[in-house]
Amino acid sequence: MPSCCFFLSCFTCSLVAWLLPATSAGGSPGAAAAAAAAEEEEEKALRVLVLLPKDNAYLFSLDRVRPAIEYAVRSLEANGTLLPAGYKLRLFYEDSDCGNWALFSLVDMVALRRQWPDLLLGPVCEYAAAPVARLASHWNLPMISAGTLASAFNAKTGEYSHLTRVSPAYSKMGEMFLALFRRHQWTRVMLLYQEDKEQRNCFFAVEGVHAVFRDAALHIEDFAFDEGAKYVEDVVRAIQGGERGDGAQVDNRLRIAWVAHPEFSTCWSKLFAGWSLPEDTLFPILNL
């Protein structure tokens, strides 16, 4: 075959191959319009990644929170004025497991599915939320959480700059206690808490109170104990170790508090505050 004929044959095949898709697209205007509409809908979708644990042992599990989120989305879209015209919220639910899976889910959504979230809801647990909040700040993603109550998240700049908390931080509890202490002119405090060594909710709660008292220059002592009645004696000795009232009264009241709350299943039933009072007054123990 002459070289010119071979060239024309290849050129003809290439031209036909190029024209076929264009002819197919041009021949089905309905499909093209549907594709354009789908693309526009995708562009106007605001992706919300919800990172909460599936485990219903948590008060903020997906099963418990999801109905409230979806109700809020329906109310928001029904309002008609709070979102730009044509925009809708698209929800993506992932199990945070109150751990590393929260971060993995965010990275998988971006790296594997090629979908960028516009908003993060959760996580709630401190150790799950911290790396997600850092990455959200780096990627310029807003993040809303009902948790992240530890003092470290108080910073409004830097690695937690894009985090918005909808619940009061533990430091606010410390401010409440500080107001109580100033009202009664108390100056010494011992903070006792159970160290669970996992989620460490009690530690973070006491940390917030401790930071406020420290900044106010109050005398502070901390004592962490493990769960179980056999540690009552350790707690009693810790309280009796300083000059904080009558030891017998402390012993009795602590035992009463312990018996009154045998389940001790939450941080709030393990957090105590004791303070020194004149010798002729009772030694109070505040059980939260």
Protein backbone atom coordinates (compact mmCIF):
# COMPACT_ATOMS: atom_id res chain seq x y z
CA MET A 1 0.00 0.00 0.00
CA PRO A 2 1.38 3.44 -0.91
CA SER A 3 2.46 5.48 2.07
CA CYS A 4 -0.05 8.22 1.28
CA CYS A 5 -2.93 5.73 1.29
CA PHE A 6 -1.73 4.27 4.61
CA PHE A 7 -1.58 7.76 6.12
CA LEU A 8 -5.09 8.62 4.89
CA SER A 9 -6.46 5.33 6.22
CA CYS A 10 -5.00 5.97 9.71
CA PHE A 11 -6.22 9.55 9.68
CA THR A 12 -9.73 8.43 8.69
CA CYS A 13 -9.85 5.85 11.49
CA SER A 14 -8.66 8.41 14.05
CA LEU A 15 -11.19 10.96 12.89
CA VAL A 16 -14.03 8.44 13.06
CA ALA A 17 -12.94 7.35 16.54
CA TRP A 18 -12.92 10.99 17.68
CA LEU A 19 -16.26 11.80 16.10
CA LEU A 20 -18.12 8.76 17.45
CA PRO A 21 -18.32 9.98 21.10
CA ALA A 22 -19.25 13.46 19.96
CA THR A 23 -21.95 12.07 17.67
CA SER A 24 -23.28 9.85 20.45
CA ALA A 25 -23.41 12.76 22.93
CA GLY A 26 -24.92 15.06 20.35
CA GLY A 27 -27.46 12.44 19.39
CA SER A 28 -28.88 12.10 22.94
CA PRO A 29 -29.61 15.58 24.28
CA GLY A 30 -31.64 14.07 27.14
CA ALA A 31 -28.63 12.21 28.48
CA ALA A 32 -26.44 15.28 28.18
CA ALA A 33 -28.99 17.40 30.04
CA ALA A 34 -29.29 14.79 32.78
CA ALA A 35 -25.50 14.66 33.14
CA ALA A 36 -25.33 18.44 33.36
CA ALA A 37 -28.09 18.51 35.97
CA ALA A 38 -26.34 15.83 38.02
CA GLU A 39 -23.08 17.75 37.84
CA GLU A 40 -24.80 20.95 38.98
CA GLU A 41 -26.51 19.09 41.82
CA GLU A 42 -23.16 17.68 42.90
CA GLU A 43 -21.62 21.13 42.88
CA LYS A 44 -24.43 22.44 45.09
CA ALA A 45 -24.21 19.59 47.60
CA LEU A 46 -22.79 20.56 50.97
CA ARG A 47 -21.18 17.39 52.32
CA VAL A 48 -21.43 16.88 56.07
CA LEU A 49 -19.27 14.13 57.55
CA VAL A 50 -20.69 12.88 60.86
CA LEU A 51 -18.11 11.12 63.04
CA LEU A 52 -19.72 9.41 66.02
CA PRO A 53 -19.40 5.95 67.60
CA LYS A 54 -21.78 3.16 66.67
CA ASP A 55 -21.52 1.73 70.16
CA ASN A 56 -24.73 2.63 72.01
CA ALA A 57 -22.86 2.57 75.30
CA TYR A 58 -22.08 6.19 74.46
CA LEU A 59 -24.80 8.78 75.00
CA PHE A 60 -23.77 10.39 71.71
CA SER A 61 -23.84 7.24 69.56
CA LEU A 62 -24.92 7.39 65.93
CA ASP A 63 -28.29 5.74 66.68
CA ARG A 64 -29.08 8.35 69.31
CA VAL A 65 -27.83 11.46 67.49
CA ARG A 66 -28.69 10.68 63.87
CA PRO A 67 -32.46 11.42 64.19
CA ALA A 68 -31.69 14.83 65.68
CA ILE A 69 -29.21 15.65 62.91
CA GLU A 70 -31.64 14.67 60.18
CA TYR A 71 -34.45 16.63 61.81
CA ALA A 72 -32.18 19.68 61.92
CA VAL A 73 -31.28 19.26 58.24
CA ARG A 74 -34.94 18.99 57.22
CA SER A 75 -35.77 22.11 59.22
CA LEU A 76 -32.83 23.97 57.71
CA GLU A 77 -33.75 23.10 54.13
CA ALA A 78 -37.46 23.75 54.71
CA ASN A 79 -36.69 27.27 55.92
CA GLY A 80 -35.63 28.25 52.44
CA THR A 81 -33.58 31.28 53.52
CA LEU A 82 -30.67 29.82 55.48
CA LEU A 83 -28.98 28.12 52.53
CA PRO A 84 -28.11 29.56 49.10
CA ALA A 85 -30.66 28.77 46.41
CA GLY A 86 -30.38 25.20 45.16
CA TYR A 87 -27.96 24.03 47.83
CA LYS A 88 -28.69 20.96 49.94
CA LEU A 89 -26.92 19.15 52.76
CA ARG A 90 -25.69 15.64 52.10
CA LEU A 91 -24.92 13.56 55.18
CA PHE A 92 -22.19 10.92 55.45
CA TYR A 93 -22.11 8.82 58.63
CA GLU A 94 -18.95 7.10 59.84
CA ASP A 95 -18.12 5.21 63.01
CA SER A 96 -15.54 7.16 65.01
CA ASP A 97 -15.14 4.31 67.51
CA CYS A 98 -14.04 7.09 69.90
CA GLY A 99 -10.54 6.50 68.56
CA ASN A 100 -8.38 6.54 65.44
CA TRP A 101 -11.19 5.49 63.11
CA ALA A 102 -12.46 9.07 63.13
CA LEU A 103 -9.25 10.30 61.50
CA PHE A 104 -9.11 7.31 59.15
CA SER A 105 -12.67 7.97 57.96
CA LEU A 106 -11.87 11.59 57.14
CA VAL A 107 -8.72 10.67 55.24
CA ASP A 108 -10.49 7.84 53.36
CA MET A 109 -13.27 10.18 52.25
CA VAL A 110 -10.78 12.62 50.75
CA ALA A 111 -8.05 10.28 49.49
CA LEU A 112 -10.04 7.24 48.34
CA ARG A 113 -13.50 8.57 47.46
CA ARG A 114 -12.23 11.95 46.25
CA GLN A 115 -14.96 13.78 48.12
CA TRP A 116 -14.14 16.78 50.25
CA PRO A 117 -16.43 17.37 53.23
CA ASP A 118 -17.65 20.92 53.75
CA LEU A 119 -18.41 20.40 57.44
CA LEU A 120 -17.43 17.94 60.17
CA LEU A 121 -19.86 17.01 62.94
CA GLY A 122 -17.94 15.31 65.72
CA PRO A 123 -16.03 13.52 66.99
CA VAL A 124 -16.95 13.95 70.65
CA CYS A 125 -14.29 11.95 72.52
CA GLU A 126 -11.12 13.93 73.20
CA TYR A 127 -8.63 11.45 71.80
CA ALA A 128 -10.69 10.93 68.64
CA ALA A 129 -11.36 14.63 68.12
CA ALA A 130 -7.82 15.97 68.59
CA PRO A 131 -6.20 14.67 65.36
CA VAL A 132 -9.37 15.36 63.35
CA ALA A 133 -9.47 18.95 64.62
CA ARG A 134 -5.81 19.44 63.69
CA LEU A 135 -6.37 18.13 60.18
CA ALA A 136 -9.55 20.20 59.82
CA SER A 137 -7.58 23.33 60.66
CA HIS A 138 -4.89 22.38 58.15
CA TRP A 139 -7.47 21.71 55.42
CA ASN A 140 -9.58 24.75 56.33
CA LEU A 141 -12.64 22.65 57.25
CA PRO A 142 -15.13 23.82 59.90
CA MET A 143 -15.70 21.33 62.70
CA ILE A 144 -18.53 21.31 65.26
CA SER A 145 -18.43 19.08 68.34
CA ALA A 146 -20.54 18.58 71.44
CA GLY A 147 -17.45 17.18 73.17
CA THR A 148 -13.79 18.29 73.14
CA LEU A 149 -14.26 19.74 76.64
CA ALA A 150 -10.61 19.44 77.71
CA SER A 151 -8.60 22.59 78.37
CA ALA A 152 -6.31 21.98 75.38
CA PHE A 153 -9.17 22.77 73.01
CA ASN A 154 -9.70 26.23 74.52
CA ALA A 155 -7.17 27.77 72.13
CA LYS A 156 -8.94 29.63 69.34
CA THR A 157 -5.85 29.86 67.17
CA GLY A 158 -3.40 27.31 65.84
CA GLU A 159 -4.21 23.65 65.50
CA TYR A 160 -7.78 23.93 66.87
CA SER A 161 -8.70 27.17 65.10
CA HIS A 162 -11.55 25.62 63.08
CA LEU A 163 -13.22 23.85 66.03
CA THR A 164 -16.52 25.13 67.41
CA ARG A 165 -17.77 23.59 70.67
CA VAL A 166 -21.46 23.67 71.50
CA SER A 167 -21.04 22.52 75.11
CA PRO A 168 -19.31 24.37 77.95
CA ALA A 169 -15.74 23.28 78.55
CA TYR A 170 -14.55 21.73 81.80
CA SER A 171 -12.87 25.04 82.58
CA LYS A 172 -16.35 26.56 82.92
CA MET A 173 -17.01 24.10 85.72
CA GLY A 174 -13.78 25.31 87.28
CA GLU A 175 -15.01 28.89 87.08
CA MET A 176 -18.20 27.87 88.88
CA PHE A 177 -16.18 26.24 91.67
CA LEU A 178 -13.90 29.25 91.89
CA ALA A 179 -16.88 31.54 92.38
CA LEU A 180 -18.09 29.23 95.16
CA PHE A 181 -14.68 29.26 96.84
CA ARG A 182 -14.43 33.03 96.68
CA ARG A 183 -17.93 33.41 98.08
CA HIS A 184 -16.98 31.37 101.15
CA GLN A 185 -13.34 32.53 101.24
CA TRP A 186 -11.96 29.02 100.89
CA THR A 187 -8.35 28.80 99.75
CA ARG A 188 -7.34 25.12 99.76
CA VAL A 189 -8.67 22.32 97.58
CA MET A 190 -8.00 18.64 97.04
CA LEU A 191 -9.22 17.14 93.77
CA LEU A 192 -9.83 13.38 93.71
CA TYR A 193 -10.67 11.52 90.53
CA GLN A 194 -10.67 8.05 89.08
CA GLU A 195 -8.03 7.43 86.42
CA ASP A 196 -9.62 5.16 83.81
CA LYS A 197 -6.47 5.25 81.58
CA GLU A 198 -8.56 4.99 78.40
CA GLN A 199 -10.84 7.90 77.53
CA ARG A 200 -9.64 9.71 80.71
CA ASN A 201 -12.80 11.80 81.01
CA CYS A 202 -12.32 12.24 84.76
CA PHE A 203 -8.75 13.40 84.27
CA PHE A 204 -9.80 16.01 81.70
CA ALA A 205 -12.64 17.20 83.95
CA VAL A 206 -10.30 17.67 86.92
CA GLU A 207 -7.70 19.26 84.65
CA GLY A 208 -10.15 22.02 83.73
CA VAL A 209 -10.94 22.73 87.37
CA HIS A 210 -7.26 22.54 88.34
CA ALA A 211 -6.25 25.07 85.68
CA VAL A 212 -8.77 27.64 86.91
CA PHE A 213 -7.75 27.18 90.57
CA ARG A 214 -4.07 27.36 89.65
CA ASP A 215 -4.52 30.65 87.81
CA ALA A 216 -6.33 32.00 90.88
CA ALA A 217 -3.35 31.02 93.06
CA LEU A 218 -5.33 28.62 95.28
CA HIS A 219 -3.57 25.81 97.14
CA ILE A 220 -4.30 22.63 95.14
CA GLU A 221 -3.62 18.95 95.71
CA ASP A 222 -4.55 16.15 93.29
CA PHE A 223 -5.12 12.48 93.96
CA ALA A 224 -5.96 9.86 91.34
CA PHE A 225 -7.34 6.47 92.34
CA ASP A 226 -8.38 3.31 90.57
CA GLU A 227 -11.89 1.92 90.63
CA GLY A 228 -12.90 -0.43 93.42
CA ALA A 229 -13.86 -0.26 97.08
CA LYS A 230 -10.42 -1.45 98.18
CA TYR A 231 -9.06 1.99 97.28
CA VAL A 232 -11.27 3.81 99.78
CA GLU A 233 -8.53 3.67 102.37
CA ASP A 234 -6.06 5.28 99.97
CA VAL A 235 -8.48 8.12 99.30
CA VAL A 236 -9.11 8.62 103.02
CA ARG A 237 -5.39 8.72 103.75
CA ALA A 238 -4.88 11.23 100.94
CA ILE A 239 -7.48 13.54 102.46
CA GLN A 240 -6.10 13.09 105.95
CA GLY A 241 -2.57 13.73 104.74
CA GLY A 242 -2.96 17.51 105.00
CA GLU A 243 -4.39 19.82 107.60
CA ARG A 244 -7.92 19.85 106.30
CA GLY A 245 -10.25 19.44 109.24
CA ASP A 246 -11.06 16.52 111.49
CA GLY A 247 -9.85 13.23 110.07
CA ALA A 248 -12.65 11.20 111.64
CA GLN A 249 -15.27 13.39 110.04
CA VAL A 250 -13.53 13.08 106.67
CA ASP A 251 -13.39 9.30 107.02
CA ASN A 252 -17.10 8.97 107.86
CA ARG A 253 -18.30 11.34 105.20
CA LEU A 254 -16.19 9.78 102.49
CA ARG A 255 -17.49 6.32 103.37
CA ILE A 256 -21.05 7.63 103.33
CA ALA A 257 -20.48 9.20 99.92
CA TRP A 258 -19.00 5.94 98.64
CA VAL A 259 -21.86 3.81 99.92
CA ALA A 260 -24.44 6.26 98.63
CA HIS A 261 -23.06 5.86 95.12
CA PRO A 262 -21.98 2.23 94.87
CA GLU A 263 -22.14 2.15 91.09
CA PHE A 264 -19.49 4.85 90.64
CA SER A 265 -20.04 4.35 86.93
CA THR A 266 -19.46 7.89 85.72
CA CYS A 267 -16.85 10.50 86.19
CA TRP A 268 -19.29 12.77 87.99
CA SER A 269 -19.76 10.29 90.84
CA LYS A 270 -16.00 10.05 91.32
CA LEU A 271 -15.02 13.71 91.35
CA PHE A 272 -14.75 15.24 94.79
CA ALA A 273 -13.62 18.60 96.07
CA GLY A 274 -12.55 19.00 99.69
CA TRP A 275 -11.47 22.20 101.35
CA SER A 276 -10.26 23.35 104.75
CA LEU A 277 -12.67 25.00 107.18
CA PRO A 278 -12.41 26.14 110.78
CA GLU A 279 -12.09 23.24 113.23
CA ASP A 280 -15.58 23.74 114.64
CA THR A 281 -17.24 23.18 111.25
CA LEU A 282 -17.89 20.00 109.34
CA PHE A 283 -15.55 18.97 106.55
CA PRO A 284 -17.62 19.01 103.35
CA ILE A 285 -17.15 16.67 100.42
CA LEU A 286 -18.80 17.73 97.19
CA ASN A 287 -19.93 14.81 95.07
CA LEU A 288 -20.67 15.80 91.49
